[in-house]
Amino acid sequence: MKKVRFYMESHKSGASKILAFISVFFWGISFLFTKMGFKYYKDPVTLAVLRYVFSFFTLIVFIFIKKIKLPHAKDGLMFFISGFSGFTVYMIAFNKAVSTLSSATASILLACSPIITALLSWIFLKERINIYCWISIFISFTGILVLTLWEGVLSFNVGVFWMLFASTALAIYNIIQKKFVEKYSASEATTFSLLAGTILIVLYSPKSLLEIPKMNFESFFIILCLSLMASVLASLFWTKSLSLAETTSEIVNFMFLMPFIAAIAGIVFLDEKLTPATIIGGIIILAGIVGFNRFKDMKEVKHIKIR
C-alpha cells in the first residue's frame, strides 16, 4: 500500500513539474511577443486589454465545451480578487514596466515573485521551507543576476516600482489559486479568475477596444499568441500544477527559468548570440531548482525561522 501511495505521489509530483515548466516556457517567450506588440500599441494597457479580451472569448467557448459549473456566489468576491491581482494588476504593471525598463532589470525584478510567493506561502499557507531550500532559491536568483548583468545594464525609473508591483500581485495570485484548488478544479479556478480579471481590465480602459477593428494580420497574430499561449494555456497549466504539488514553493521556483527561456527564444527567433552569461546563468538557475526539489522533503533539517 505504501508503494502504491509513493508511486501516486511521485506521479503527481512529476506531472506538476512538467505542467509548471510548460507554463513558464509560454511566459518566457511571451516577452518576445510583448516587445513585438509595442510596435503596434504604444500604450501598455491597450496591449493588455486586447490580450485578455481574446482570452475572454476563448474561455467562454471552453466553458461550454467542458460544461464548467459556475462558482458558488459566496466565492465571487475572491474570484474577482484573484483576477484583479493575477491578471488585471499584474498585466497592467508588467506591460508598463517592460515598456520602460531594460530586459536585464525587468528579469531581475520579476524573479522576485518566487521569493515573495515563498514568504507568503509560509505566512498564509503554513508551508514550511527548510534552510537548504531557501539557499536553493537564492542560488537560482544568483543565476538570474549572472544571466542578466553579465553584459546587461541596469535601468532605474518608475518601471522598477511597476515590476515590483507586478511581482507582488503575481505572488498573491499564486497563494489564492493554491487555496482555490482545494475546492475547485484547476480549470474552474483559472477560468473564473481570468474572466473576472478581463472584466476589470476592460472597465479600466474601455477605449482600448476601439483598436480591435484596426488590427492587421501581424498585430492579430501577436495578440492571438499572447492570448492563447501566455494567458489561457499557461494559466490553466499553472493552476493545475499548483493543485498537484505538495507545496506552492516547489512550483513557483520554476519561474526563475523565465529569463533563461526568454534569452534562448531570442537566440532562436531573433538571431541573438549565445553568450557565456546565458550558459552559466542557465546552469546556476537549474542547479538551484534541482537543489530545491532535492532538499524539499528533508524532515530532519531545522526549519528556518523568519522574525
Protein backbone atom coordinates (compact mmCIF):
# COMPACT_ATOMS: atom_id res chain seq x y z
CA MET A 1 0.00 0.00 0.00
CA LYS A 2 2.86 2.32 0.85
CA LYS A 3 4.46 1.57 -2.53
CA VAL A 4 1.21 2.46 -4.32
CA ARG A 5 0.92 5.71 -2.36
CA PHE A 6 4.56 6.56 -3.08
CA TYR A 7 4.04 5.86 -6.81
CA MET A 8 0.94 8.08 -6.94
CA GLU A 9 2.70 10.91 -5.09
CA SER A 10 5.74 10.64 -7.38
CA HIS A 11 3.49 10.64 -10.45
CA LYS A 12 1.66 13.76 -9.25
CA SER A 13 4.94 15.48 -8.40
CA GLY A 14 6.38 14.73 -11.84
CA ALA A 15 3.21 15.89 -13.62
CA SER A 16 3.13 19.13 -11.62
CA LYS A 17 6.71 19.95 -12.62
CA ILE A 18 6.07 19.23 -16.31
CA LEU A 19 2.99 21.48 -16.31
CA ALA A 20 4.88 24.20 -14.44
CA PHE A 21 7.70 24.08 -16.99
CA ILE A 22 5.24 24.35 -19.91
CA SER A 23 3.61 27.39 -18.27
CA VAL A 24 6.95 29.06 -17.63
CA PHE A 25 8.04 28.29 -21.19
CA PHE A 26 4.98 30.09 -22.58
CA TRP A 27 5.53 33.03 -20.22
CA GLY A 28 9.20 33.17 -21.18
CA ILE A 29 8.54 33.50 -24.91
CA SER A 30 5.74 35.98 -24.18
CA PHE A 31 8.49 38.56 -23.50
CA LEU A 32 9.25 38.49 -27.23
CA PHE A 33 5.62 38.83 -28.29
CA THR A 34 5.07 41.65 -25.79
CA LYS A 35 8.01 43.58 -27.23
CA MET A 36 6.68 42.94 -30.73
CA GLY A 37 3.24 44.13 -29.66
CA PHE A 38 4.64 47.51 -28.60
CA LYS A 39 5.38 48.17 -32.27
CA TYR A 40 1.63 48.43 -32.83
CA TYR A 41 0.36 49.56 -29.44
CA LYS A 42 2.37 52.20 -27.63
CA ASP A 43 0.01 52.14 -24.65
CA PRO A 44 0.85 49.09 -22.44
CA VAL A 45 -2.71 48.98 -21.10
CA THR A 46 -4.17 48.65 -24.61
CA LEU A 47 -1.95 45.64 -25.29
CA ALA A 48 -3.08 44.04 -22.03
CA VAL A 49 -6.78 44.70 -22.71
CA LEU A 50 -6.64 43.20 -26.21
CA ARG A 51 -4.74 40.17 -24.93
CA TYR A 52 -7.35 39.40 -22.29
CA VAL A 53 -10.39 40.17 -24.44
CA PHE A 54 -9.21 37.44 -26.82
CA SER A 55 -8.68 35.18 -23.80
CA PHE A 56 -12.18 36.00 -22.53
CA PHE A 57 -13.93 34.70 -25.64
CA THR A 58 -11.66 31.66 -25.79
CA LEU A 59 -12.63 30.76 -22.24
CA ILE A 60 -16.35 31.29 -22.91
CA VAL A 61 -16.10 28.61 -25.60
CA PHE A 62 -14.05 26.46 -23.19
CA ILE A 63 -16.79 26.75 -20.52
CA PHE A 64 -19.45 25.46 -22.89
CA ILE A 65 -17.30 22.62 -24.25
CA LYS A 66 -16.12 21.45 -20.81
CA LYS A 67 -19.51 22.26 -19.19
CA ILE A 68 -17.77 24.02 -16.32
CA LYS A 69 -20.03 24.75 -13.36
CA LEU A 70 -20.46 28.31 -12.14
CA PRO A 71 -18.69 29.12 -8.86
CA HIS A 72 -20.55 29.50 -5.58
CA ALA A 73 -21.91 33.01 -5.07
CA LYS A 74 -20.03 33.36 -1.76
CA ASP A 75 -16.73 32.85 -3.63
CA GLY A 76 -17.49 35.50 -6.26
CA LEU A 77 -15.57 38.23 -4.44
CA MET A 78 -12.48 36.04 -4.05
CA PHE A 79 -12.53 35.23 -7.76
CA PHE A 80 -12.55 38.95 -8.52
CA ILE A 81 -9.69 39.49 -6.07
CA SER A 82 -7.80 36.63 -7.75
CA GLY A 83 -8.47 38.04 -11.21
CA PHE A 84 -7.62 41.56 -10.05
CA SER A 85 -4.22 40.54 -8.65
CA GLY A 86 -3.18 37.84 -11.12
CA PHE A 87 -4.43 39.36 -14.36
CA THR A 88 -5.61 42.98 -14.12
CA VAL A 89 -2.94 44.46 -11.83
CA TYR A 90 -0.20 42.06 -12.91
CA MET A 91 -0.61 42.64 -16.64
CA ILE A 92 -1.01 46.42 -16.44
CA ALA A 93 2.03 46.72 -14.14
CA PHE A 94 4.06 44.20 -16.18
CA ASN A 95 3.43 45.93 -19.51
CA LYS A 96 4.15 49.38 -18.07
CA ALA A 97 7.41 48.06 -16.61
CA VAL A 98 8.55 46.23 -19.77
CA SER A 99 7.89 49.36 -21.85
CA THR A 100 10.32 51.43 -19.75
CA LEU A 101 12.92 49.00 -18.34
CA SER A 102 15.84 47.17 -19.87
CA SER A 103 15.37 43.41 -20.22
CA ALA A 104 18.01 42.85 -17.52
CA THR A 105 16.26 44.96 -14.91
CA ALA A 106 12.81 43.57 -15.76
CA SER A 107 14.04 39.97 -15.48
CA ILE A 108 15.67 40.53 -12.08
CA LEU A 109 12.62 42.23 -10.60
CA LEU A 110 10.17 39.66 -11.96
CA ALA A 111 12.37 36.95 -10.45
CA CYS A 112 11.44 38.38 -7.04
CA SER A 113 7.99 36.81 -7.43
CA PRO A 114 9.03 33.25 -6.41
CA ILE A 115 10.74 34.66 -3.32
CA ILE A 116 7.68 36.73 -2.38
CA THR A 117 5.43 33.72 -3.03
CA ALA A 118 7.59 31.55 -0.77
CA LEU A 119 7.29 34.11 2.02
CA LEU A 120 3.52 34.46 1.59
CA SER A 121 3.04 30.67 1.50
CA TRP A 122 5.00 30.42 4.75
CA ILE A 123 2.77 33.07 6.35
CA PHE A 124 -0.69 32.22 4.97
CA LEU A 125 -0.48 28.55 3.92
CA LYS A 126 1.80 27.46 6.79
CA GLU A 127 4.14 25.79 4.31
CA ARG A 128 7.49 25.06 5.93
CA ILE A 129 10.62 25.69 3.88
CA ASN A 130 13.89 24.35 5.23
CA ILE A 131 17.07 26.35 5.08
CA TYR A 132 18.52 24.28 2.22
CA CYS A 133 15.52 25.13 0.07
CA TRP A 134 15.95 28.83 0.89
CA ILE A 135 19.59 28.53 -0.17
CA SER A 136 18.45 26.84 -3.41
CA ILE A 137 16.00 29.68 -4.08
CA PHE A 138 18.74 32.27 -3.76
CA ILE A 139 21.10 30.18 -5.89
CA SER A 140 18.51 30.39 -8.68
CA PHE A 141 18.21 34.13 -8.09
CA THR A 142 22.01 34.39 -8.39
CA GLY A 143 21.68 32.69 -11.77
CA ILE A 144 19.24 35.44 -12.80
CA LEU A 145 21.85 38.05 -11.82
CA VAL A 146 24.54 36.31 -13.87
CA LEU A 147 22.24 35.89 -16.84
CA THR A 148 21.10 39.50 -16.94
CA LEU A 149 24.04 41.51 -15.59
CA TRP A 150 26.98 39.81 -17.32
CA GLU A 151 26.68 42.19 -20.25
CA GLY A 152 23.43 43.91 -19.35
CA VAL A 153 22.82 47.33 -17.93
CA LEU A 154 20.50 48.09 -15.05
CA SER A 155 17.95 50.82 -15.60
CA PHE A 156 16.20 52.66 -12.80
CA ASN A 157 12.98 54.54 -13.34
CA VAL A 158 9.32 54.29 -12.39
CA GLY A 159 9.24 50.94 -14.21
CA VAL A 160 11.12 49.41 -11.26
CA PHE A 161 8.16 50.05 -8.99
CA TRP A 162 5.72 48.77 -11.63
CA MET A 163 7.62 45.48 -11.94
CA LEU A 164 7.88 45.01 -8.16
CA PHE A 165 4.14 45.69 -8.02
CA ALA A 166 3.62 43.05 -10.75
CA SER A 167 5.77 40.51 -8.89
CA THR A 168 3.83 41.02 -5.67
CA ALA A 169 0.46 40.80 -7.46
CA LEU A 170 1.52 37.53 -9.09
CA ALA A 171 2.65 36.13 -5.73
CA ILE A 172 -0.74 36.97 -4.19
CA TYR A 173 -2.47 35.28 -7.14
CA ASN A 174 -0.41 32.11 -6.59
CA ILE A 175 -1.47 31.93 -2.95
CA ILE A 176 -5.17 32.44 -3.78
CA GLN A 177 -5.05 29.82 -6.53
CA LYS A 178 -3.45 27.30 -4.17
CA LYS A 179 -6.40 27.80 -1.81
CA PHE A 180 -8.95 27.67 -4.64
CA VAL A 181 -7.82 24.25 -5.89
CA GLU A 182 -8.79 22.77 -2.54
CA LYS A 183 -12.40 23.49 -3.51
CA TYR A 184 -12.47 23.89 -7.30
CA SER A 185 -10.80 22.14 -10.21
CA ALA A 186 -7.80 23.81 -11.78
CA SER A 187 -9.89 24.65 -14.86
CA GLU A 188 -12.62 26.28 -12.77
CA ALA A 189 -10.19 28.24 -10.60
CA THR A 190 -8.27 29.58 -13.60
CA THR A 191 -11.23 30.23 -15.89
CA PHE A 192 -13.28 32.33 -13.49
CA SER A 193 -10.25 34.22 -12.19
CA LEU A 194 -9.22 35.13 -15.75
CA LEU A 195 -12.77 36.10 -16.72
CA ALA A 196 -13.03 38.36 -13.66
CA GLY A 197 -9.63 39.88 -14.42
CA THR A 198 -10.67 40.58 -18.02
CA ILE A 199 -13.86 42.34 -16.94
CA LEU A 200 -11.90 44.56 -14.56
CA ILE A 201 -9.19 45.45 -17.07
CA VAL A 202 -11.78 46.34 -19.73
CA LEU A 203 -13.58 48.56 -17.23
CA TYR A 204 -10.22 50.22 -16.52
CA SER A 205 -9.63 51.05 -20.20
CA PRO A 206 -12.76 50.53 -22.38
CA LYS A 207 -11.34 52.79 -25.12
CA SER A 208 -8.74 50.10 -25.84
CA LEU A 209 -11.49 48.03 -27.51
CA LEU A 210 -11.57 50.59 -30.33
CA GLU A 211 -8.24 49.16 -31.53
CA ILE A 212 -9.77 45.80 -32.47
CA PRO A 213 -11.18 46.89 -35.88
CA LYS A 214 -7.80 48.45 -36.74
CA MET A 215 -5.85 45.21 -36.43
CA ASN A 216 -3.81 43.88 -39.34
CA PHE A 217 -2.74 40.26 -39.71
CA GLU A 218 0.58 40.64 -37.84
CA SER A 219 -0.87 42.51 -34.85
CA PHE A 220 -3.75 40.00 -34.73
CA PHE A 221 -1.27 37.10 -34.72
CA ILE A 222 0.78 38.66 -31.90
CA ILE A 223 -2.29 39.22 -29.72
CA LEU A 224 -3.59 35.74 -30.50
CA CYS A 225 -0.30 34.12 -29.45
CA LEU A 226 -0.18 36.13 -26.24
CA SER A 227 -3.80 35.25 -25.53
CA LEU A 228 -3.75 31.52 -26.23
CA MET A 229 -0.26 30.60 -25.05
CA ALA A 230 0.70 33.08 -22.34
CA SER A 231 -2.78 33.68 -20.88
CA VAL A 232 -5.14 30.74 -21.40
CA LEU A 233 -2.90 27.67 -21.69
CA ALA A 234 -0.14 28.87 -19.36
CA SER A 235 -2.65 29.87 -16.67
CA LEU A 236 -4.59 26.60 -16.91
CA PHE A 237 -1.43 24.51 -16.72
CA TRP A 238 -0.04 26.65 -13.91
CA THR A 239 -3.07 26.25 -11.66
CA LYS A 240 -3.17 22.52 -12.42
CA SER A 241 0.48 22.23 -11.41
CA LEU A 242 -0.29 24.05 -8.15
CA SER A 243 -3.15 21.64 -7.46
CA LEU A 244 -0.86 18.62 -7.92
CA ALA A 245 2.10 19.99 -5.97
CA GLU A 246 2.58 19.40 -2.28
CA THR A 247 3.73 22.98 -1.70
CA THR A 248 3.44 26.23 -3.62
CA SER A 249 7.16 26.97 -3.43
CA GLU A 250 8.25 23.89 -5.38
CA ILE A 251 6.21 25.11 -8.36
CA VAL A 252 6.85 28.86 -8.30
CA ASN A 253 10.56 28.04 -8.15
CA PHE A 254 10.27 27.24 -11.88
CA MET A 255 9.58 30.93 -12.54
CA PHE A 256 13.32 31.52 -12.25
CA LEU A 257 13.58 29.87 -15.67
CA MET A 258 11.62 32.63 -17.42
CA PRO A 259 14.56 34.97 -18.20
CA PHE A 260 16.64 32.00 -19.35
CA ILE A 261 13.86 30.81 -21.68
CA ALA A 262 13.41 34.39 -22.94
CA ALA A 263 17.15 34.53 -23.71
CA ILE A 264 17.06 31.21 -25.58
CA ALA A 265 13.99 32.37 -27.52
CA GLY A 266 15.91 35.48 -28.54
CA ILE A 267 18.74 33.29 -29.84
CA VAL A 268 16.36 31.05 -31.81
CA PHE A 269 13.91 33.61 -33.18
CA LEU A 270 15.85 36.89 -33.23
CA ASP A 271 19.31 35.55 -34.15
CA GLU A 272 20.80 36.85 -30.91
CA LYS A 273 24.19 35.44 -29.92
CA LEU A 274 24.69 32.64 -27.41
CA THR A 275 26.81 34.21 -24.66
CA PRO A 276 28.69 32.71 -21.70
CA ALA A 277 26.19 34.52 -19.47
CA THR A 278 23.31 32.51 -20.96
CA ILE A 279 25.14 29.21 -20.42
CA ILE A 280 26.50 29.91 -16.92
CA GLY A 281 23.36 31.69 -15.71
CA GLY A 282 21.16 28.88 -17.02
CA ILE A 283 23.27 26.23 -15.28
CA ILE A 284 23.10 28.12 -11.95
CA ILE A 285 19.32 28.56 -12.24
CA LEU A 286 18.84 24.86 -12.99
CA ALA A 287 21.15 23.92 -10.10
CA GLY A 288 19.00 25.96 -7.71
CA ILE A 289 15.78 24.34 -8.94
CA VAL A 290 17.27 20.83 -8.74
CA GLY A 291 18.60 21.59 -5.27
CA PHE A 292 15.20 22.81 -4.08
CA ASN A 293 13.47 19.64 -5.25
CA ARG A 294 16.25 17.52 -3.79
CA PHE A 295 16.02 19.03 -0.32
CA LYS A 296 12.30 19.93 -0.03
CA ASP A 297 11.36 16.58 1.55
CA MET A 298 14.13 16.55 4.15
CA LYS A 299 12.40 16.34 7.53
CA GLU A 300 15.37 16.21 9.80
CA VAL A 301 16.77 19.65 9.00
CA LYS A 302 16.00 22.60 11.20
CA HIS A 303 13.48 24.87 9.51
CA ILE A 304 14.29 28.48 9.09
CA LYS A 305 12.60 30.96 11.40
CA ILE A 306 11.59 34.31 9.98
CA ARG A 307 11.17 37.05 12.53
